[in-house]
All heavy atoms as atom14 arrays in JSON, in Angstrom:
{
  "sequence": "VLLLLNGGILAGIVFLYPTLSQSAPELFTGNRAWFGLTLWGVVLMLH",
  "atom14_mask": [
    [1, 1, 1, 1, 1, 1, 1, 0, 0, 0, 0, 0, 0, 0],
    [1, 1, 1, 1, 1, 1, 1, 1, 0, 0, 0, 0, 0, 0],
    [1, 1, 1, 1, 1, 1, 1, 1, 0, 0, 0, 0, 0, 0],
    [1, 1, 1, 1, 1, 1, 1, 1, 0, 0, 0, 0, 0, 0],
    [1, 1, 1, 1, 1, 1, 1, 1, 0, 0, 0, 0, 0, 0],
    [1, 1, 1, 1, 1, 1, 1, 1, 0, 0, 0, 0, 0, 0],
    [1, 1, 1, 1, 0, 0, 0, 0, 0, 0, 0, 0, 0, 0],
    [1, 1, 1, 1, 0, 0, 0, 0, 0, 0, 0, 0, 0, 0],
    [1, 1, 1, 1, 1, 1, 1, 1, 0, 0, 0, 0, 0, 0],
    [1, 1, 1, 1, 1, 1, 1, 1, 0, 0, 0, 0, 0, 0],
    [1, 1, 1, 1, 1, 0, 0, 0, 0, 0, 0, 0, 0, 0],
    [1, 1, 1, 1, 0, 0, 0, 0, 0, 0, 0, 0, 0, 0],
    [1, 1, 1, 1, 1, 1, 1, 1, 0, 0, 0, 0, 0, 0],
    [1, 1, 1, 1, 1, 1, 1, 0, 0, 0, 0, 0, 0, 0],
    [1, 1, 1, 1, 1, 1, 1, 1, 1, 1, 1, 0, 0, 0],
    [1, 1, 1, 1, 1, 1, 1, 1, 0, 0, 0, 0, 0, 0],
    [1, 1, 1, 1, 1, 1, 1, 1, 1, 1, 1, 1, 0, 0],
    [1, 1, 1, 1, 1, 1, 1, 0, 0, 0, 0, 0, 0, 0],
    [1, 1, 1, 1, 1, 1, 1, 0, 0, 0, 0, 0, 0, 0],
    [1, 1, 1, 1, 1, 1, 1, 1, 0, 0, 0, 0, 0, 0],
    [1, 1, 1, 1, 1, 1, 0, 0, 0, 0, 0, 0, 0, 0],
    [1, 1, 1, 1, 1, 1, 1, 1, 1, 0, 0, 0, 0, 0],
    [1, 1, 1, 1, 1, 1, 0, 0, 0, 0, 0, 0, 0, 0],
    [1, 1, 1, 1, 1, 0, 0, 0, 0, 0, 0, 0, 0, 0],
    [1, 1, 1, 1, 1, 1, 1, 0, 0, 0, 0, 0, 0, 0],
    [1, 1, 1, 1, 1, 1, 1, 1, 1, 0, 0, 0, 0, 0],
    [1, 1, 1, 1, 1, 1, 1, 1, 0, 0, 0, 0, 0, 0],
    [1, 1, 1, 1, 1, 1, 1, 1, 1, 1, 1, 0, 0, 0],
    [1, 1, 1, 1, 1, 1, 1, 0, 0, 0, 0, 0, 0, 0],
    [1, 1, 1, 1, 0, 0, 0, 0, 0, 0, 0, 0, 0, 0],
    [1, 1, 1, 1, 1, 1, 1, 1, 0, 0, 0, 0, 0, 0],
    [1, 1, 1, 1, 1, 1, 1, 1, 1, 1, 1, 0, 0, 0],
    [1, 1, 1, 1, 1, 0, 0, 0, 0, 0, 0, 0, 0, 0],
    [1, 1, 1, 1, 1, 1, 1, 1, 1, 1, 1, 1, 1, 1],
    [1, 1, 1, 1, 1, 1, 1, 1, 1, 1, 1, 0, 0, 0],
    [1, 1, 1, 1, 0, 0, 0, 0, 0, 0, 0, 0, 0, 0],
    [1, 1, 1, 1, 1, 1, 1, 1, 0, 0, 0, 0, 0, 0],
    [1, 1, 1, 1, 1, 1, 1, 0, 0, 0, 0, 0, 0, 0],
    [1, 1, 1, 1, 1, 1, 1, 1, 0, 0, 0, 0, 0, 0],
    [1, 1, 1, 1, 1, 1, 1, 1, 1, 1, 1, 1, 1, 1],
    [1, 1, 1, 1, 0, 0, 0, 0, 0, 0, 0, 0, 0, 0],
    [1, 1, 1, 1, 1, 1, 1, 0, 0, 0, 0, 0, 0, 0],
    [1, 1, 1, 1, 1, 1, 1, 0, 0, 0, 0, 0, 0, 0],
    [1, 1, 1, 1, 1, 1, 1, 1, 0, 0, 0, 0, 0, 0],
    [1, 1, 1, 1, 1, 1, 1, 1, 0, 0, 0, 0, 0, 0],
    [1, 1, 1, 1, 1, 1, 1, 1, 0, 0, 0, 0, 0, 0],
    [1, 1, 1, 1, 1, 1, 1, 1, 1, 1, 0, 0, 0, 0]
  ],
  "atom14_positions": [
    [[0.84, -1.2, 0.0], [0.0, 0.0, 0.0], [0.88, 1.25, 0.0], [0.64, 2.19, -0.77], [-0.96, -0.01, 1.22], [-1.71, 1.3, 1.32], [-1.92, -1.18, 1.13], [0.0, 0.0, 0.0], [0.0, 0.0, 0.0], [0.0, 0.0, 0.0], [0.0, 0.0, 0.0], [0.0, 0.0, 0.0], [0.0, 0.0, 0.0], [0.0, 0.0, 0.0]],
    [[1.89, 1.26, 0.85], [2.8, 2.4, 0.91], [3.55, 2.57, -0.4], [3.72, 3.69, -0.89], [3.79, 2.21, 2.07], [4.72, 3.36, 2.38], [3.93, 4.6, 2.78], [5.67, 2.97, 3.49], [0.0, 0.0, 0.0], [0.0, 0.0, 0.0], [0.0, 0.0, 0.0], [0.0, 0.0, 0.0], [0.0, 0.0, 0.0], [0.0, 0.0, 0.0]],
    [[3.98, 1.47, -0.99], [4.68, 1.52, -2.27], [3.76, 2.06, -3.37], [4.16, 2.9, -4.17], [5.2, 0.13, -2.65], [6.04, 0.02, -3.91], [7.31, 0.83, -3.76], [6.37, -1.42, -4.18], [0.0, 0.0, 0.0], [0.0, 0.0, 0.0], [0.0, 0.0, 0.0], [0.0, 0.0, 0.0], [0.0, 0.0, 0.0], [0.0, 0.0, 0.0]],
    [[2.54, 1.59, -3.39], [1.57, 2.06, -4.39], [1.27, 3.54, -4.21], [1.21, 4.29, -5.19], [0.29, 1.23, -4.29], [-0.8, 1.55, -5.3], [-0.32, 1.23, -6.72], [-2.05, 0.76, -4.99], [0.0, 0.0, 0.0], [0.0, 0.0, 0.0], [0.0, 0.0, 0.0], [0.0, 0.0, 0.0], [0.0, 0.0, 0.0], [0.0, 0.0, 0.0]],
    [[1.13, 3.98, -2.98], [0.84, 5.38, -2.7], [2.0, 6.27, -3.14], [1.8, 7.24, -3.89], [0.57, 5.56, -1.21], [0.26, 6.98, -0.75], [-1.09, 7.41, -1.29], [0.27, 7.05, 0.76], [0.0, 0.0, 0.0], [0.0, 0.0, 0.0], [0.0, 0.0, 0.0], [0.0, 0.0, 0.0], [0.0, 0.0, 0.0], [0.0, 0.0, 0.0]],
    [[3.22, 5.95, -2.72], [4.38, 6.75, -3.11], [4.63, 6.72, -4.61], [4.91, 7.74, -5.22], [5.63, 6.27, -2.38], [5.73, 6.82, -0.99], [5.34, 7.95, -0.76], [6.23, 6.04, -0.07], [0.0, 0.0, 0.0], [0.0, 0.0, 0.0], [0.0, 0.0, 0.0], [0.0, 0.0, 0.0], [0.0, 0.0, 0.0], [0.0, 0.0, 0.0]],
    [[4.53, 5.54, -5.19], [4.73, 5.43, -6.64], [3.67, 6.17, -7.42], [3.96, 6.8, -8.44], [0.0, 0.0, 0.0], [0.0, 0.0, 0.0], [0.0, 0.0, 0.0], [0.0, 0.0, 0.0], [0.0, 0.0, 0.0], [0.0, 0.0, 0.0], [0.0, 0.0, 0.0], [0.0, 0.0, 0.0], [0.0, 0.0, 0.0], [0.0, 0.0, 0.0]],
    [[2.44, 6.11, -6.95], [1.35, 6.81, -7.63], [1.53, 8.32, -7.6], [1.32, 9.01, -8.6], [0.0, 0.0, 0.0], [0.0, 0.0, 0.0], [0.0, 0.0, 0.0], [0.0, 0.0, 0.0], [0.0, 0.0, 0.0], [0.0, 0.0, 0.0], [0.0, 0.0, 0.0], [0.0, 0.0, 0.0], [0.0, 0.0, 0.0], [0.0, 0.0, 0.0]],
    [[1.92, 8.83, -6.45], [2.14, 10.28, -6.34], [3.31, 10.71, -7.22], [3.21, 11.7, -7.95], [2.38, 10.67, -4.87], [1.11, 10.45, -4.05], [2.83, 12.11, -4.76], [1.29, 10.6, -2.56], [0.0, 0.0, 0.0], [0.0, 0.0, 0.0], [0.0, 0.0, 0.0], [0.0, 0.0, 0.0], [0.0, 0.0, 0.0], [0.0, 0.0, 0.0]],
    [[4.42, 9.98, -7.16], [5.57, 10.34, -7.98], [5.25, 10.2, -9.47], [5.65, 11.05, -10.27], [6.77, 9.47, -7.61], [8.11, 9.9, -8.2], [8.47, 11.3, -7.74], [9.21, 8.93, -7.82], [0.0, 0.0, 0.0], [0.0, 0.0, 0.0], [0.0, 0.0, 0.0], [0.0, 0.0, 0.0], [0.0, 0.0, 0.0], [0.0, 0.0, 0.0]],
    [[4.52, 9.17, -9.85], [4.12, 9.01, -11.26], [3.21, 10.16, -11.68], [3.31, 10.66, -12.8], [3.44, 7.67, -11.47], [0.0, 0.0, 0.0], [0.0, 0.0, 0.0], [0.0, 0.0, 0.0], [0.0, 0.0, 0.0], [0.0, 0.0, 0.0], [0.0, 0.0, 0.0], [0.0, 0.0, 0.0], [0.0, 0.0, 0.0], [0.0, 0.0, 0.0]],
    [[2.31, 10.58, -10.8], [1.44, 11.71, -11.11], [2.23, 12.98, -11.35], [1.95, 13.74, -12.28], [0.0, 0.0, 0.0], [0.0, 0.0, 0.0], [0.0, 0.0, 0.0], [0.0, 0.0, 0.0], [0.0, 0.0, 0.0], [0.0, 0.0, 0.0], [0.0, 0.0, 0.0], [0.0, 0.0, 0.0], [0.0, 0.0, 0.0], [0.0, 0.0, 0.0]],
    [[3.26, 13.21, -10.52], [4.1, 14.39, -10.72], [4.86, 14.29, -12.04], [4.97, 15.27, -12.79], [5.08, 14.56, -9.54], [4.3, 14.97, -8.29], [6.15, 15.58, -9.84], [5.11, 14.98, -7.02], [0.0, 0.0, 0.0], [0.0, 0.0, 0.0], [0.0, 0.0, 0.0], [0.0, 0.0, 0.0], [0.0, 0.0, 0.0], [0.0, 0.0, 0.0]],
    [[5.36, 13.1, -12.35], [6.11, 12.92, -13.61], [5.19, 13.16, -14.81], [5.57, 13.85, -15.77], [6.74, 11.51, -13.66], [7.24, 11.19, -15.05], [7.86, 11.4, -12.65], [0.0, 0.0, 0.0], [0.0, 0.0, 0.0], [0.0, 0.0, 0.0], [0.0, 0.0, 0.0], [0.0, 0.0, 0.0], [0.0, 0.0, 0.0], [0.0, 0.0, 0.0]],
    [[3.98, 12.61, -14.78], [3.07, 12.77, -15.92], [2.5, 14.18, -16.02], [2.2, 14.66, -17.11], [1.94, 11.75, -15.87], [2.39, 10.35, -16.2], [2.18, 9.32, -15.32], [3.04, 10.08, -17.39], [2.6, 8.04, -15.61], [3.47, 8.81, -17.71], [3.26, 7.78, -16.81], [0.0, 0.0, 0.0], [0.0, 0.0, 0.0], [0.0, 0.0, 0.0]],
    [[2.36, 14.86, -14.91], [1.84, 16.22, -14.92], [2.94, 17.27, -15.03], [2.66, 18.47, -15.01], [1.01, 16.48, -13.66], [-0.3, 15.7, -13.55], [-0.96, 15.97, -12.21], [-1.23, 16.08, -14.69], [0.0, 0.0, 0.0], [0.0, 0.0, 0.0], [0.0, 0.0, 0.0], [0.0, 0.0, 0.0], [0.0, 0.0, 0.0], [0.0, 0.0, 0.0]],
    [[4.19, 16.84, -15.15], [5.32, 17.76, -15.2], [5.19, 18.82, -16.29], [5.39, 20.01, -16.02], [6.64, 17.01, -15.35], [7.82, 17.91, -15.54], [8.34, 18.6, -14.45], [8.4, 18.1, -16.79], [9.42, 19.46, -14.6], [9.47, 18.94, -16.95], [9.97, 19.63, -15.86], [11.04, 20.47, -16.02], [0.0, 0.0, 0.0], [0.0, 0.0, 0.0]],
    [[4.84, 18.46, -17.54], [4.74, 19.52, -18.57], [3.7, 20.59, -18.2], [3.97, 21.78, -18.36], [4.32, 18.76, -19.84], [4.76, 17.36, -19.61], [4.64, 17.14, -18.13], [0.0, 0.0, 0.0], [0.0, 0.0, 0.0], [0.0, 0.0, 0.0], [0.0, 0.0, 0.0], [0.0, 0.0, 0.0], [0.0, 0.0, 0.0], [0.0, 0.0, 0.0]],
    [[2.57, 20.17, -17.69], [1.54, 21.13, -17.33], [1.97, 21.96, -16.12], [1.81, 23.19, -16.11], [0.22, 20.39, -16.99], [-0.11, 19.53, -18.07], [-0.9, 21.36, -16.73], [0.0, 0.0, 0.0], [0.0, 0.0, 0.0], [0.0, 0.0, 0.0], [0.0, 0.0, 0.0], [0.0, 0.0, 0.0], [0.0, 0.0, 0.0], [0.0, 0.0, 0.0]],
    [[2.52, 21.3, -15.12], [2.94, 22.01, -13.91], [4.11, 22.96, -14.19], [4.18, 24.04, -13.61], [3.34, 21.02, -12.82], [2.21, 20.24, -12.16], [2.78, 19.19, -11.22], [1.28, 21.16, -11.4], [0.0, 0.0, 0.0], [0.0, 0.0, 0.0], [0.0, 0.0, 0.0], [0.0, 0.0, 0.0], [0.0, 0.0, 0.0], [0.0, 0.0, 0.0]],
    [[5.03, 22.57, -15.06], [6.19, 23.41, -15.32], [5.8, 24.67, -16.09], [6.47, 25.69, -15.99], [7.26, 22.65, -16.08], [6.8, 22.28, -17.36], [0.0, 0.0, 0.0], [0.0, 0.0, 0.0], [0.0, 0.0, 0.0], [0.0, 0.0, 0.0], [0.0, 0.0, 0.0], [0.0, 0.0, 0.0], [0.0, 0.0, 0.0], [0.0, 0.0, 0.0]],
    [[4.71, 24.63, -16.86], [4.25, 25.82, -17.56], [3.4, 26.72, -16.66], [3.51, 27.93, -16.71], [3.43, 25.44, -18.8], [4.28, 24.85, -19.89], [3.46, 24.38, -21.07], [2.24, 24.47, -21.05], [4.13, 23.89, -22.09], [0.0, 0.0, 0.0], [0.0, 0.0, 0.0], [0.0, 0.0, 0.0], [0.0, 0.0, 0.0], [0.0, 0.0, 0.0]],
    [[2.58, 26.11, -15.83], [1.7, 26.92, -14.98], [2.42, 27.46, -13.74], [2.12, 28.54, -13.28], [0.48, 26.11, -14.54], [0.89, 25.01, -13.75], [0.0, 0.0, 0.0], [0.0, 0.0, 0.0], [0.0, 0.0, 0.0], [0.0, 0.0, 0.0], [0.0, 0.0, 0.0], [0.0, 0.0, 0.0], [0.0, 0.0, 0.0], [0.0, 0.0, 0.0]],
    [[3.38, 26.71, -13.21], [4.13, 27.15, -12.02], [5.6, 26.77, -12.18], [6.08, 25.82, -11.56], [3.54, 26.52, -10.77], [0.0, 0.0, 0.0], [0.0, 0.0, 0.0], [0.0, 0.0, 0.0], [0.0, 0.0, 0.0], [0.0, 0.0, 0.0], [0.0, 0.0, 0.0], [0.0, 0.0, 0.0], [0.0, 0.0, 0.0], [0.0, 0.0, 0.0]],
    [[6.34, 27.52, -13.02], [7.74, 27.13, -13.28], [8.63, 27.22, -12.04], [9.61, 26.49, -11.94], [8.2, 28.11, -14.35], [7.21, 29.21, -14.36], [5.95, 28.68, -13.77], [0.0, 0.0, 0.0], [0.0, 0.0, 0.0], [0.0, 0.0, 0.0], [0.0, 0.0, 0.0], [0.0, 0.0, 0.0], [0.0, 0.0, 0.0], [0.0, 0.0, 0.0]],
    [[8.28, 28.08, -11.09], [9.11, 28.2, -9.88], [9.08, 26.94, -9.03], [9.95, 26.72, -8.2], [8.66, 29.41, -9.03], [7.3, 29.27, -8.4], [6.13, 29.61, -9.35], [6.37, 30.05, -10.48], [4.99, 29.4, -8.93], [0.0, 0.0, 0.0], [0.0, 0.0, 0.0], [0.0, 0.0, 0.0], [0.0, 0.0, 0.0], [0.0, 0.0, 0.0]],
    [[8.09, 26.09, -9.28], [7.97, 24.85, -8.53], [9.1, 23.87, -8.84], [9.55, 23.13, -7.98], [6.61, 24.2, -8.85], [6.09, 23.15, -7.9], [5.79, 23.78, -6.55], [4.83, 22.52, -8.46], [0.0, 0.0, 0.0], [0.0, 0.0, 0.0], [0.0, 0.0, 0.0], [0.0, 0.0, 0.0], [0.0, 0.0, 0.0], [0.0, 0.0, 0.0]],
    [[9.59, 23.91, -10.07], [10.6, 22.94, -10.5], [11.97, 23.55, -10.81], [12.9, 22.84, -11.14], [10.12, 22.19, -11.75], [8.92, 21.34, -11.5], [7.66, 21.76, -11.87], [9.06, 20.12, -10.86], [6.56, 20.96, -11.62], [7.96, 19.33, -10.6], [6.71, 19.75, -10.98], [0.0, 0.0, 0.0], [0.0, 0.0, 0.0], [0.0, 0.0, 0.0]],
    [[12.09, 24.85, -10.72], [13.37, 25.47, -11.08], [14.33, 25.59, -9.91], [15.52, 25.74, -10.11], [13.15, 26.88, -11.7], [12.4, 27.66, -10.78], [12.44, 26.77, -13.03], [0.0, 0.0, 0.0], [0.0, 0.0, 0.0], [0.0, 0.0, 0.0], [0.0, 0.0, 0.0], [0.0, 0.0, 0.0], [0.0, 0.0, 0.0], [0.0, 0.0, 0.0]],
    [[13.84, 25.49, -8.71], [14.71, 25.62, -7.54], [15.51, 24.36, -7.3], [15.1, 23.25, -7.63], [0.0, 0.0, 0.0], [0.0, 0.0, 0.0], [0.0, 0.0, 0.0], [0.0, 0.0, 0.0], [0.0, 0.0, 0.0], [0.0, 0.0, 0.0], [0.0, 0.0, 0.0], [0.0, 0.0, 0.0], [0.0, 0.0, 0.0], [0.0, 0.0, 0.0]],
    [[16.7, 24.53, -6.72], [17.54, 23.39, -6.41], [16.88, 22.49, -5.36], [17.04, 21.28, -5.39], [18.9, 23.85, -5.89], [19.77, 24.36, -7.01], [19.56, 24.03, -8.16], [20.75, 25.18, -6.67], [0.0, 0.0, 0.0], [0.0, 0.0, 0.0], [0.0, 0.0, 0.0], [0.0, 0.0, 0.0], [0.0, 0.0, 0.0], [0.0, 0.0, 0.0]],
    [[16.15, 23.1, -4.43], [15.51, 22.32, -3.38], [14.44, 21.39, -3.96], [14.31, 20.25, -3.52], [14.88, 23.27, -2.36], [14.59, 22.61, -1.06], [14.04, 23.56, -0.03], [14.84, 24.77, 0.05], [14.42, 25.88, 0.63], [13.23, 25.93, 1.16], [15.19, 26.95, 0.67], [0.0, 0.0, 0.0], [0.0, 0.0, 0.0], [0.0, 0.0, 0.0]],
    [[13.69, 21.87, -4.95], [12.66, 21.03, -5.56], [13.27, 19.84, -6.28], [12.8, 18.71, -6.14], [11.81, 21.86, -6.52], [0.0, 0.0, 0.0], [0.0, 0.0, 0.0], [0.0, 0.0, 0.0], [0.0, 0.0, 0.0], [0.0, 0.0, 0.0], [0.0, 0.0, 0.0], [0.0, 0.0, 0.0], [0.0, 0.0, 0.0], [0.0, 0.0, 0.0]],
    [[14.34, 20.09, -7.06], [14.99, 18.99, -7.78], [15.6, 18.0, -6.81], [15.52, 16.8, -6.99], [16.06, 19.52, -8.73], [15.49, 19.99, -10.03], [15.46, 21.26, -10.48], [14.83, 19.2, -11.01], [14.83, 21.32, -11.69], [14.43, 20.06, -12.04], [14.53, 17.84, -11.13], [13.76, 19.62, -13.17], [13.86, 17.42, -12.26], [13.49, 18.29, -13.25]],
    [[16.21, 18.52, -5.74], [16.8, 17.64, -4.73], [15.71, 16.8, -4.07], [15.88, 15.6, -3.87], [17.56, 18.46, -3.68], [18.14, 17.63, -2.6], [19.23, 16.81, -2.85], [17.6, 17.64, -1.32], [19.78, 16.03, -1.85], [18.13, 16.85, -0.32], [19.23, 16.05, -0.58], [0.0, 0.0, 0.0], [0.0, 0.0, 0.0], [0.0, 0.0, 0.0]],
    [[14.59, 17.43, -3.75], [13.48, 16.71, -3.11], [12.92, 15.62, -4.0], [12.69, 14.49, -3.54], [0.0, 0.0, 0.0], [0.0, 0.0, 0.0], [0.0, 0.0, 0.0], [0.0, 0.0, 0.0], [0.0, 0.0, 0.0], [0.0, 0.0, 0.0], [0.0, 0.0, 0.0], [0.0, 0.0, 0.0], [0.0, 0.0, 0.0], [0.0, 0.0, 0.0]],
    [[12.68, 15.94, -5.26], [12.14, 14.93, -6.18], [13.14, 13.81, -6.43], [12.75, 12.64, -6.51], [11.73, 15.59, -7.5], [10.48, 16.46, -7.44], [10.26, 17.17, -8.77], [9.26, 15.63, -7.08], [0.0, 0.0, 0.0], [0.0, 0.0, 0.0], [0.0, 0.0, 0.0], [0.0, 0.0, 0.0], [0.0, 0.0, 0.0], [0.0, 0.0, 0.0]],
    [[14.41, 14.15, -6.56], [15.42, 13.13, -6.77], [15.54, 12.23, -5.54], [15.6, 11.0, -5.66], [16.79, 13.77, -7.07], [16.64, 14.61, -8.21], [17.85, 12.73, -7.33], [0.0, 0.0, 0.0], [0.0, 0.0, 0.0], [0.0, 0.0, 0.0], [0.0, 0.0, 0.0], [0.0, 0.0, 0.0], [0.0, 0.0, 0.0], [0.0, 0.0, 0.0]],
    [[15.54, 12.84, -4.36], [15.62, 12.07, -3.13], [14.39, 11.16, -2.99], [14.51, 10.0, -2.59], [15.74, 13.0, -1.93], [15.93, 12.34, -0.58], [17.24, 11.57, -0.56], [15.9, 13.38, 0.53], [0.0, 0.0, 0.0], [0.0, 0.0, 0.0], [0.0, 0.0, 0.0], [0.0, 0.0, 0.0], [0.0, 0.0, 0.0], [0.0, 0.0, 0.0]],
    [[13.23, 11.69, -3.32], [11.99, 10.9, -3.27], [12.08, 9.71, -4.21], [11.7, 8.59, -3.87], [10.81, 11.78, -3.61], [9.46, 11.2, -3.34], [9.17, 10.01, -2.74], [8.22, 11.79, -3.64], [7.82, 9.83, -2.66], [7.2, 10.92, -3.2], [7.84, 12.97, -4.25], [5.87, 11.19, -3.36], [6.5, 13.25, -4.4], [5.52, 12.37, -3.95]],
    [[12.58, 9.94, -5.42], [12.75, 8.84, -6.37], [13.73, 7.79, -5.89], [13.49, 6.59, -6.04], [0.0, 0.0, 0.0], [0.0, 0.0, 0.0], [0.0, 0.0, 0.0], [0.0, 0.0, 0.0], [0.0, 0.0, 0.0], [0.0, 0.0, 0.0], [0.0, 0.0, 0.0], [0.0, 0.0, 0.0], [0.0, 0.0, 0.0], [0.0, 0.0, 0.0]],
    [[14.83, 8.22, -5.28], [15.82, 7.27, -4.75], [15.22, 6.45, -3.62], [15.38, 5.23, -3.55], [17.09, 8.01, -4.29], [18.0, 7.1, -3.47], [17.83, 8.57, -5.49], [0.0, 0.0, 0.0], [0.0, 0.0, 0.0], [0.0, 0.0, 0.0], [0.0, 0.0, 0.0], [0.0, 0.0, 0.0], [0.0, 0.0, 0.0], [0.0, 0.0, 0.0]],
    [[14.5, 7.12, -2.7], [13.85, 6.41, -1.6], [12.82, 5.43, -2.14], [12.7, 4.3, -1.65], [13.22, 7.41, -0.61], [12.3, 6.71, 0.37], [14.3, 8.17, 0.13], [0.0, 0.0, 0.0], [0.0, 0.0, 0.0], [0.0, 0.0, 0.0], [0.0, 0.0, 0.0], [0.0, 0.0, 0.0], [0.0, 0.0, 0.0], [0.0, 0.0, 0.0]],
    [[12.09, 5.83, -3.17], [11.11, 4.93, -3.78], [11.78, 3.71, -4.4], [11.3, 2.58, -4.23], [10.31, 5.69, -4.84], [9.14, 4.95, -5.48], [8.09, 4.61, -4.43], [8.53, 5.78, -6.58], [0.0, 0.0, 0.0], [0.0, 0.0, 0.0], [0.0, 0.0, 0.0], [0.0, 0.0, 0.0], [0.0, 0.0, 0.0], [0.0, 0.0, 0.0]],
    [[12.93, 3.89, -5.05], [13.65, 2.76, -5.63], [14.19, 1.84, -4.53], [14.16, 0.61, -4.68], [14.8, 3.23, -6.53], [14.43, 4.08, -7.7], [13.34, 3.53, -9.03], [12.83, 1.99, -8.89], [0.0, 0.0, 0.0], [0.0, 0.0, 0.0], [0.0, 0.0, 0.0], [0.0, 0.0, 0.0], [0.0, 0.0, 0.0], [0.0, 0.0, 0.0]],
    [[14.67, 2.42, -3.44], [15.12, 1.6, -2.32], [13.95, 0.81, -1.73], [14.1, -0.36, -1.36], [15.76, 2.47, -1.25], [17.12, 3.05, -1.59], [17.57, 4.03, -0.51], [18.15, 1.95, -1.77], [0.0, 0.0, 0.0], [0.0, 0.0, 0.0], [0.0, 0.0, 0.0], [0.0, 0.0, 0.0], [0.0, 0.0, 0.0], [0.0, 0.0, 0.0]],
    [[12.79, 1.44, -1.67], [11.6, 0.76, -1.16], [11.21, -0.4, -2.07], [10.85, -1.48, -1.61], [10.45, 1.75, -1.02], [9.29, 1.21, -0.27], [8.15, 1.93, -0.05], [9.05, 0.02, 0.32], [7.29, 1.21, 0.64], [7.82, 0.04, 0.86], [0.0, 0.0, 0.0], [0.0, 0.0, 0.0], [0.0, 0.0, 0.0], [0.0, 0.0, 0.0]]
  ]
}
């Protein structure tokens, strides 16, 4: 359940990235956002 929840949220962000990056570019341009998403992806792969 936890794996499905985390994977679903991360997949939603990945699929909505083009729309989100145009409507709110500041969300993905900061170093903290990229670090957070990368860390989330690494934790998901470890899980």
